[in-house]
Protein backbone atom coordinates (compact mmCIF):
# COMPACT_ATOMS: atom_id res chain seq x y z
CA MET A 1 87.31 101.25 148.94
CA SER A 2 86.86 104.80 149.31
CA THR A 3 86.04 106.19 152.54
CA GLN A 4 85.14 109.68 151.39
CA SER A 5 81.94 111.25 151.66
CA PRO A 6 79.58 111.84 148.95
CA THR A 7 80.31 115.51 148.79
CA ALA A 8 84.16 115.03 149.32
CA GLY A 9 86.09 117.35 146.50
CA LEU A 10 82.75 118.80 145.32
CA ARG A 11 83.15 121.55 143.09
CA LEU A 12 80.97 124.69 142.67
CA LYS A 13 79.46 123.31 139.41
CA ASP A 14 78.68 120.12 141.19
CA LEU A 15 77.02 121.77 144.13
CA GLN A 16 74.80 123.97 141.94
CA GLU A 17 73.66 120.91 139.95
CA VAL A 18 72.72 119.08 142.96
CA TYR A 19 71.97 121.54 145.93
CA ARG A 20 68.18 121.51 145.83
CA LEU A 21 67.91 117.61 145.83
CA LEU A 22 70.21 117.67 149.29
CA SER A 23 69.13 117.78 152.76
CA PRO A 24 69.83 121.06 154.55
CA ASP A 25 73.01 119.25 156.22
CA GLU A 26 74.29 118.13 153.37
CA ARG A 27 74.08 121.41 151.77
CA ALA A 28 75.94 122.89 154.54
CA GLU A 29 78.50 120.39 154.09
CA GLY A 30 79.09 120.62 150.42
CA PHE A 31 79.36 124.45 151.00
CA LEU A 32 81.80 124.27 153.45
CA LEU A 33 84.00 122.17 150.92
CA LEU A 34 83.97 124.88 148.42
CA ALA A 35 87.20 127.42 147.91
CA HIS A 36 86.22 130.47 149.82
CA ASP A 37 85.76 132.59 146.75
CA GLU A 38 83.55 129.69 145.05
CA ALA A 39 81.35 129.67 148.41
CA ASP A 40 81.08 133.50 148.23
CA ASN A 41 80.00 133.49 144.54
CA PHE A 42 77.50 130.45 145.16
CA PHE A 43 76.01 132.32 148.35
CA GLU A 44 75.52 135.45 146.82
CA LYS A 45 73.48 133.56 144.18
CA LEU A 46 71.01 132.02 146.47
CA THR A 47 67.62 133.33 147.18
CA THR A 48 67.21 135.25 150.79
CA ARG A 49 65.31 131.84 151.99
CA GLU A 50 68.03 129.79 150.72
CA GLN A 51 70.80 131.99 152.50
CA ALA A 52 68.58 131.83 155.70
CA GLN A 53 68.37 128.09 155.31
CA LEU A 54 71.97 127.53 154.64
CA LEU A 55 72.93 129.79 157.46
CA ARG A 56 70.68 127.71 159.73
CA ALA A 57 72.38 124.48 158.98
CA LEU A 58 75.90 125.92 159.20
CA PRO A 59 77.68 125.36 162.28
CA PRO A 60 77.53 128.47 164.52
CA SER A 61 81.41 129.49 164.26
CA ASP A 62 80.83 129.47 160.17
CA ARG A 63 77.51 131.08 160.71
CA LYS A 64 78.93 133.99 162.26
CA ILE A 65 81.79 134.50 159.51
CA TRP A 66 78.97 134.37 156.44
CA MET A 67 76.77 136.81 158.53
CA ARG A 68 79.40 139.28 158.86
CA GLN A 69 80.06 139.41 155.35
CA LEU A 70 76.73 140.51 154.74
CA ALA A 71 75.43 144.11 154.24
CA PRO A 72 74.14 145.39 157.86
CA ASP A 73 70.26 145.34 156.22
CA ASP A 74 70.83 141.97 154.65
CA ALA A 75 72.21 140.54 157.83
CA ALA A 76 69.20 141.76 159.98
CA GLU A 77 66.75 140.49 157.43
CA LYS A 78 68.69 136.71 157.39
CA TYR A 79 69.02 136.72 161.00
CA GLU A 80 65.11 137.38 161.31
CA ASP A 81 64.85 134.56 158.82
CA VAL A 82 66.98 132.25 160.34
CA VAL A 83 65.64 132.80 164.27
CA LEU A 84 61.81 132.77 162.62
CA PHE A 85 62.09 129.27 160.99
């Protein structure tokens, strides 16, 4: 019997296919399972609103990492979206 979570071993293609069907927590869990370069590619393809929703669902330590990778204007916009949600 497998004890893996439903998102264990998730690949970029798989996450892209089911992303909109997942809860915010499941989205964050799947996102964190991606290799960093895949996660970066995935994050860049999300809409601004989707990025803000994902950032909000991430644990604070991961949220900081992803916020730091944004351009200053983008980070300010996402920060407002995360706080105002």
